[in-house]
Amino acid sequence: MTEGQAIARFLRRFPERGAGLVVGPGDDCAVLAPRAGTVLCATTDCVREGVHFGPGFSPEDVGHKALAVNLSDLAAMGAQPRFFLAAVELRPPARAGVVDGLARGMAALAKRHGCLLAGGNFSRGPGLAVTITALGELGEGTALLRSGLSPGDLLAVTGRLGAAALGLARLRAGHAPRSATLAQRRPEPRVAAGLAARGIATAAMDLSDGLLLDLGRMARASGCGATLWRDALPIARGLPARPDGLTLALSGGEDYELLLGVRARDWPRLQRRIAATGTDVAAIGVATARRGLRLAAHRDAVTARPLPATGFSHF
């Protein structure tokens, strides 16, 4: 296919018009109109062949994951997804099946979250890569930030930890059923949970690089430390026995769950709101005045051992 044919094939999966999309794909720039009383927040991320996905991924998986990791960032801010731009690199020759698959996976997820494709680009590359820029709306001054945690706040996570790392291990081992690798191939951004947390959570971020590494970032941004409770961690089913299973849950990365801070008195209300979205959420620890990360056996334990802030790093 030519570049023009690839673009036309890709775009046919997406609506041409939608609320706030004044000028969409086909012009030099998109023109977007946020709703009255809201501000736009923006994020960008890339998924690249050989780094974020491999032979076990279908083009639909890649399209889904490329958008999902960006919607997860919007969810962590408590933002409603509205628009996105997609830049696609393809290894020549551009194949119709790859373009169709990318568009199908991406468009299905975008439709579920009411997110409109506003524009993008196709180019030649050494392998398949997709870079998404996603835009979301929220009320001015209502963004959930990493820096809002205070000593005494409870720490909570949605879903289960380590499922994506387990899925990656199964993909690398080969011959795993696709259902066993779903968390790695098609993560579900916790958009509804992020919206539910607005006005209650004190801090939030998504877990892309592992609980310990991301919690360390939140703690540093907030000028505090944290203690996790081992018996409260919602570890994914199927993880091997400790210590390997615990290590994957704490540092495996790519869970794309939400890490939240909340005042203890507000925890029951947050729990009810998030549960109403159909999302599991668990209190897993507490923010501390003492810097650094620690792991205690349970909530009432007297002692806790230091934890390194380890996880996935590109470099």
Protein backbone atom coordinates (compact mmCIF):
# COMPACT_ATOMS: atom_id res chain seq x y z
CA MET A 1 0.00 0.00 0.00
CA THR A 2 0.95 3.61 -0.45
CA GLU A 3 0.95 5.98 2.54
CA GLY A 4 -2.36 7.48 1.39
CA GLN A 5 -3.96 4.05 1.08
CA ALA A 6 -2.73 3.07 4.54
CA ILE A 7 -4.15 6.26 6.08
CA ALA A 8 -7.51 5.82 4.35
CA ARG A 9 -7.69 2.19 5.44
CA PHE A 10 -6.87 3.10 9.04
CA LEU A 11 -9.33 6.02 9.24
CA ARG A 12 -12.36 4.06 8.07
CA ARG A 13 -12.60 2.44 11.52
CA PHE A 14 -13.07 5.77 13.28
CA PRO A 15 -15.95 8.29 13.26
CA GLU A 16 -15.32 11.43 11.21
CA ARG A 17 -17.17 13.77 13.55
CA GLY A 18 -18.00 14.03 17.22
CA ALA A 19 -18.63 16.50 20.03
CA GLY A 20 -15.76 18.96 20.30
CA LEU A 21 -13.98 17.72 17.17
CA VAL A 22 -14.22 20.84 15.01
CA VAL A 23 -11.61 19.72 12.45
CA GLY A 24 -10.40 16.13 12.47
CA PRO A 25 -8.07 13.96 10.37
CA GLY A 26 -7.31 15.23 6.88
CA ASP A 27 -6.08 18.76 7.59
CA ASP A 28 -2.71 20.03 8.81
CA CYS A 29 -3.94 20.28 12.41
CA ALA A 30 -6.91 19.13 14.42
CA VAL A 31 -9.16 21.79 15.92
CA LEU A 32 -10.64 20.80 19.27
CA ALA A 33 -13.16 22.51 21.52
CA PRO A 34 -13.16 21.46 25.20
CA ARG A 35 -16.46 21.65 27.02
CA ALA A 36 -17.27 24.83 28.93
CA GLY A 37 -15.82 24.89 32.44
CA THR A 38 -13.15 22.28 31.73
CA VAL A 39 -9.43 22.23 30.98
CA LEU A 40 -7.51 19.78 28.80
CA CYS A 41 -4.82 17.49 30.14
CA ALA A 42 -2.45 15.77 27.72
CA THR A 43 -0.25 12.69 27.78
CA THR A 44 1.85 10.81 25.23
CA ASP A 45 3.40 7.35 25.14
CA CYS A 46 4.83 4.92 22.61
CA VAL A 47 4.64 1.14 22.25
CA ARG A 48 7.44 -0.31 20.15
CA GLU A 49 8.11 -3.74 18.70
CA GLY A 50 10.77 -5.59 20.66
CA VAL A 51 10.33 -3.32 23.70
CA HIS A 52 6.63 -3.32 24.60
CA PHE A 53 5.37 -6.22 22.50
CA GLY A 54 6.63 -9.19 20.55
CA PRO A 55 5.50 -12.14 18.39
CA GLY A 56 2.68 -13.11 20.78
CA PHE A 57 0.82 -9.86 20.01
CA SER A 58 -1.68 -9.50 17.18
CA PRO A 59 -2.03 -6.11 15.44
CA GLU A 60 -5.34 -5.71 17.33
CA ASP A 61 -3.47 -6.21 20.62
CA VAL A 62 -0.92 -3.54 19.64
CA GLY A 63 -3.61 -1.04 18.68
CA HIS A 64 -5.48 -1.64 21.91
CA LYS A 65 -2.40 -1.43 24.13
CA ALA A 66 -1.07 1.71 22.44
CA LEU A 67 -4.25 3.59 23.32
CA ALA A 68 -4.80 1.87 26.67
CA VAL A 69 -1.50 2.97 28.22
CA ASN A 70 -2.37 6.58 27.42
CA LEU A 71 -5.94 6.35 28.68
CA SER A 72 -4.49 4.91 31.88
CA ASP A 73 -2.56 8.16 32.39
CA LEU A 74 -5.76 10.15 31.91
CA ALA A 75 -7.52 7.87 34.40
CA ALA A 76 -4.83 8.59 36.98
CA MET A 77 -5.55 12.31 36.67
CA GLY A 78 -9.29 11.76 37.04
CA ALA A 79 -9.82 13.00 33.48
CA GLN A 80 -12.51 12.06 30.98
CA PRO A 81 -10.87 10.92 27.70
CA ARG A 82 -11.94 13.08 24.73
CA PHE A 83 -9.44 13.03 21.84
CA PHE A 84 -6.25 11.32 20.68
CA LEU A 85 -3.67 11.48 17.90
CA ALA A 86 -1.89 8.39 16.57
CA ALA A 87 1.54 8.26 14.89
CA VAL A 88 2.22 4.85 13.33
CA GLU A 89 5.57 3.51 12.10
CA LEU A 90 5.45 0.51 9.78
CA ARG A 91 8.19 -1.67 8.36
CA PRO A 92 7.80 -1.73 4.53
CA PRO A 93 5.84 -3.02 2.81
CA ALA A 94 2.74 -1.66 4.56
CA ARG A 95 0.37 -4.62 4.87
CA ALA A 96 -3.40 -4.23 4.87
CA GLY A 97 -3.86 -6.83 7.62
CA VAL A 98 -1.58 -4.96 9.99
CA VAL A 99 -3.23 -1.59 9.33
CA ASP A 100 -6.71 -3.08 9.71
CA GLY A 101 -5.78 -4.88 12.92
CA LEU A 102 -4.23 -1.81 14.53
CA ALA A 103 -7.31 0.24 13.70
CA ARG A 104 -9.76 -2.42 14.95
CA GLY A 105 -8.04 -2.80 18.33
CA MET A 106 -7.64 0.94 18.81
CA ALA A 107 -11.11 1.93 17.58
CA ALA A 108 -12.93 -0.58 19.80
CA LEU A 109 -11.25 0.78 22.94
CA ALA A 110 -11.74 4.40 21.83
CA LYS A 111 -15.45 3.78 21.28
CA ARG A 112 -15.88 2.30 24.76
CA HIS A 113 -14.42 5.44 26.33
CA GLY A 114 -15.94 8.03 23.99
CA CYS A 115 -12.49 9.10 22.74
CA LEU A 116 -12.24 10.53 19.21
CA LEU A 117 -9.32 10.19 16.80
CA ALA A 118 -8.32 13.76 15.91
CA GLY A 119 -5.33 13.14 13.62
CA GLY A 120 -1.91 11.53 13.36
CA ASN A 121 0.76 10.31 10.96
CA PHE A 122 2.09 7.25 9.13
CA SER A 123 5.79 6.76 8.46
CA ARG A 124 8.37 4.15 7.56
CA GLY A 125 10.28 2.61 10.46
CA PRO A 126 12.54 -0.35 11.35
CA GLY A 127 9.59 -2.08 13.00
CA LEU A 128 6.05 -1.52 14.17
CA ALA A 129 5.62 1.34 16.65
CA VAL A 130 2.62 3.43 17.68
CA THR A 131 2.84 6.75 19.51
CA ILE A 132 -0.37 8.13 20.97
CA THR A 133 -1.07 11.61 22.32
CA ALA A 134 -4.29 11.54 24.35
CA LEU A 135 -6.29 14.49 25.63
CA GLY A 136 -8.78 14.43 28.48
CA GLU A 137 -11.06 16.92 30.19
CA LEU A 138 -11.43 17.78 33.85
CA GLY A 139 -12.67 20.66 35.94
CA GLU A 140 -10.12 23.35 36.67
CA GLY A 141 -8.25 22.59 39.88
CA THR A 142 -9.64 19.04 40.17
CA ALA A 143 -6.73 17.01 38.76
CA LEU A 144 -5.49 14.10 40.85
CA LEU A 145 -1.71 14.51 41.28
CA ARG A 146 1.16 12.38 42.56
CA SER A 147 2.14 15.09 45.00
CA GLY A 148 -0.98 15.12 47.21
CA LEU A 149 -0.07 12.28 49.58
CA SER A 150 0.26 13.10 53.32
CA PRO A 151 1.54 10.97 56.22
CA GLY A 152 -1.36 8.90 57.55
CA ASP A 153 -3.13 8.62 54.19
CA LEU A 154 -4.08 5.10 53.23
CA LEU A 155 -2.66 3.67 50.00
CA ALA A 156 -4.99 1.73 47.72
CA VAL A 157 -4.76 -0.08 44.38
CA THR A 158 -7.37 -1.21 41.88
CA GLY A 159 -7.42 -4.72 40.47
CA ARG A 160 -4.62 -7.21 41.04
CA LEU A 161 -0.86 -6.89 40.90
CA GLY A 162 1.50 -8.94 38.75
CA ALA A 163 -0.94 -10.26 36.14
CA ALA A 164 0.81 -8.45 33.28
CA ALA A 165 4.26 -9.64 34.39
CA LEU A 166 2.94 -13.19 34.60
CA GLY A 167 1.43 -12.84 31.12
CA LEU A 168 4.78 -11.62 29.75
CA ALA A 169 6.58 -14.59 31.29
CA ARG A 170 4.06 -16.93 29.69
CA LEU A 171 4.46 -15.26 26.30
CA ARG A 172 8.23 -15.62 26.49
CA ALA A 173 7.87 -19.28 27.43
CA GLY A 174 5.63 -19.86 24.38
CA HIS A 175 2.52 -21.98 23.87
CA ALA A 176 0.48 -20.07 26.48
CA PRO A 177 -3.27 -19.81 25.79
CA ARG A 178 -4.26 -16.27 24.80
CA SER A 179 -6.58 -16.00 27.81
CA ALA A 180 -3.56 -16.47 30.11
CA THR A 181 -1.75 -13.47 28.61
CA LEU A 182 -4.67 -11.05 28.33
CA ALA A 183 -3.45 -8.69 31.07
CA GLN A 184 -0.20 -8.19 29.16
CA ARG A 185 -1.68 -7.88 25.68
CA ARG A 186 -4.85 -5.90 26.41
CA PRO A 187 -4.64 -3.93 29.66
CA GLU A 188 -7.86 -2.19 30.64
CA PRO A 189 -7.41 1.47 31.63
CA ARG A 190 -9.25 2.24 34.88
CA VAL A 191 -11.03 5.31 33.52
CA ALA A 192 -14.26 4.81 35.47
CA ALA A 193 -12.34 4.28 38.72
CA GLY A 194 -10.31 7.43 38.12
CA LEU A 195 -13.46 9.46 37.57
CA ALA A 196 -14.99 7.95 40.72
CA ALA A 197 -11.91 8.93 42.76
CA ARG A 198 -12.18 12.63 41.91
CA GLY A 199 -12.88 14.76 44.94
CA ILE A 200 -12.00 11.94 47.38
CA ALA A 201 -8.50 10.65 46.60
CA THR A 202 -5.61 12.82 47.79
CA ALA A 203 -3.14 11.50 45.20
CA ALA A 204 -3.11 9.15 42.22
CA MET A 205 -0.94 7.67 39.49
CA ASP A 206 -1.09 4.64 37.24
CA LEU A 207 1.11 1.61 37.76
CA SER A 208 3.09 1.29 34.55
CA ASP A 209 6.57 0.44 35.85
CA GLY A 210 5.77 -1.63 38.95
CA LEU A 211 4.22 -0.83 42.34
CA LEU A 212 7.52 -0.17 44.13
CA LEU A 213 9.01 2.11 41.48
CA ASP A 214 5.79 4.06 41.00
CA LEU A 215 5.01 4.28 44.72
CA GLY A 216 8.55 5.58 45.23
CA ARG A 217 7.83 8.31 42.68
CA MET A 218 4.59 9.25 44.41
CA ALA A 219 6.24 9.29 47.83
CA ARG A 220 9.11 11.49 46.63
CA ALA A 221 6.72 13.90 44.90
CA SER A 222 4.74 14.14 48.14
CA GLY A 223 7.75 14.38 50.47
CA CYS A 224 6.90 11.29 52.48
CA GLY A 225 7.48 7.54 52.72
CA ALA A 226 5.22 4.49 52.71
CA THR A 227 4.70 1.14 54.40
CA LEU A 228 2.98 -1.69 52.53
CA TRP A 229 1.10 -4.54 54.22
CA ARG A 230 2.09 -7.87 52.70
CA ASP A 231 -1.13 -9.70 53.65
CA ALA A 232 -3.25 -6.97 52.02
CA LEU A 233 -1.56 -6.98 48.59
CA PRO A 234 -4.03 -8.20 45.90
CA ILE A 235 -1.62 -10.51 44.10
CA ALA A 236 -2.78 -11.93 40.76
CA ARG A 237 -3.99 -15.49 40.67
CA GLY A 238 -1.53 -17.89 39.11
CA LEU A 239 1.64 -16.17 40.32
CA PRO A 240 4.22 -18.61 41.69
CA ALA A 241 4.75 -19.00 45.43
CA ARG A 242 6.81 -16.43 47.31
CA PRO A 243 9.31 -14.93 46.94
CA ASP A 244 9.14 -14.90 43.12
CA GLY A 245 5.40 -14.19 42.99
CA LEU A 246 5.70 -11.32 45.45
CA THR A 247 8.60 -9.87 43.46
CA LEU A 248 6.58 -9.91 40.23
CA ALA A 249 3.60 -8.30 41.99
CA LEU A 250 5.75 -5.54 43.47
CA SER A 251 8.10 -4.83 40.57
CA GLY A 252 6.79 -6.56 37.43
CA GLY A 253 5.23 -3.51 35.81
CA GLU A 254 2.58 -2.91 33.12
CA ASP A 255 -0.38 -3.57 35.43
CA TYR A 256 -1.95 -0.19 34.52
CA GLU A 257 -3.91 -0.24 37.74
CA LEU A 258 -4.45 2.93 39.78
CA LEU A 259 -2.43 3.69 42.90
CA LEU A 260 -4.42 6.04 45.14
CA GLY A 261 -3.93 7.96 48.34
CA VAL A 262 -6.92 8.68 50.56
CA ARG A 263 -7.54 9.97 54.06
CA ALA A 264 -8.50 7.14 56.38
CA ARG A 265 -11.88 8.69 57.13
CA ASP A 266 -12.67 8.85 53.39
CA TRP A 267 -11.61 5.29 52.57
CA PRO A 268 -15.10 3.72 52.94
CA ARG A 269 -16.57 6.34 50.58
CA LEU A 270 -13.82 5.84 48.00
CA GLN A 271 -14.18 2.08 48.25
CA ARG A 272 -17.94 2.29 47.61
CA ARG A 273 -17.54 4.67 44.66
CA ILE A 274 -14.93 2.55 42.91
CA ALA A 275 -16.78 -0.71 43.64
CA ALA A 276 -19.85 0.84 41.96
CA THR A 277 -17.84 0.97 38.70
CA GLY A 278 -17.31 -2.80 38.86
CA THR A 279 -13.64 -2.40 39.82
CA ASP A 280 -11.95 -4.13 42.75
CA VAL A 281 -9.97 -1.87 45.08
CA ALA A 282 -7.94 -2.69 48.19
CA ALA A 283 -6.13 -0.73 50.90
CA ILE A 284 -2.53 -1.95 50.86
CA GLY A 285 -0.56 0.37 53.12
CA VAL A 286 -0.09 3.80 54.62
CA ALA A 287 1.94 6.92 53.87
CA THR A 288 4.53 7.73 56.54
CA ALA A 289 6.51 10.76 57.67
CA ARG A 290 9.63 8.61 57.55
CA ARG A 291 11.09 8.56 54.03
CA GLY A 292 11.63 5.36 52.06
CA LEU A 293 9.52 2.27 51.35
CA ARG A 294 8.94 -0.58 53.79
CA LEU A 295 7.06 -3.88 53.89
CA ALA A 296 5.25 -5.06 57.02
CA ALA A 297 3.64 -8.48 57.43
CA HIS A 298 0.28 -6.90 58.24
CA ARG A 299 -1.35 -3.63 59.26
CA ASP A 300 -0.61 -3.98 62.99
CA ALA A 301 2.95 -5.29 62.62
CA VAL A 302 5.53 -3.57 64.85
CA THR A 303 8.45 -4.03 62.44
CA ALA A 304 8.85 -3.50 58.69
CA ARG A 305 11.78 -4.23 56.39
CA PRO A 306 13.13 -1.70 53.85
CA LEU A 307 12.16 -2.14 50.22
CA PRO A 308 14.09 -0.96 47.16
CA ALA A 309 12.11 1.16 44.68
CA THR A 310 12.70 -1.28 41.82
CA GLY A 311 10.72 -1.80 38.62
CA PHE A 312 10.94 -1.42 34.84
CA SER A 313 13.30 1.14 33.33
CA HIS A 314 13.93 1.85 29.64
CA PHE A 315 17.56 2.75 30.31
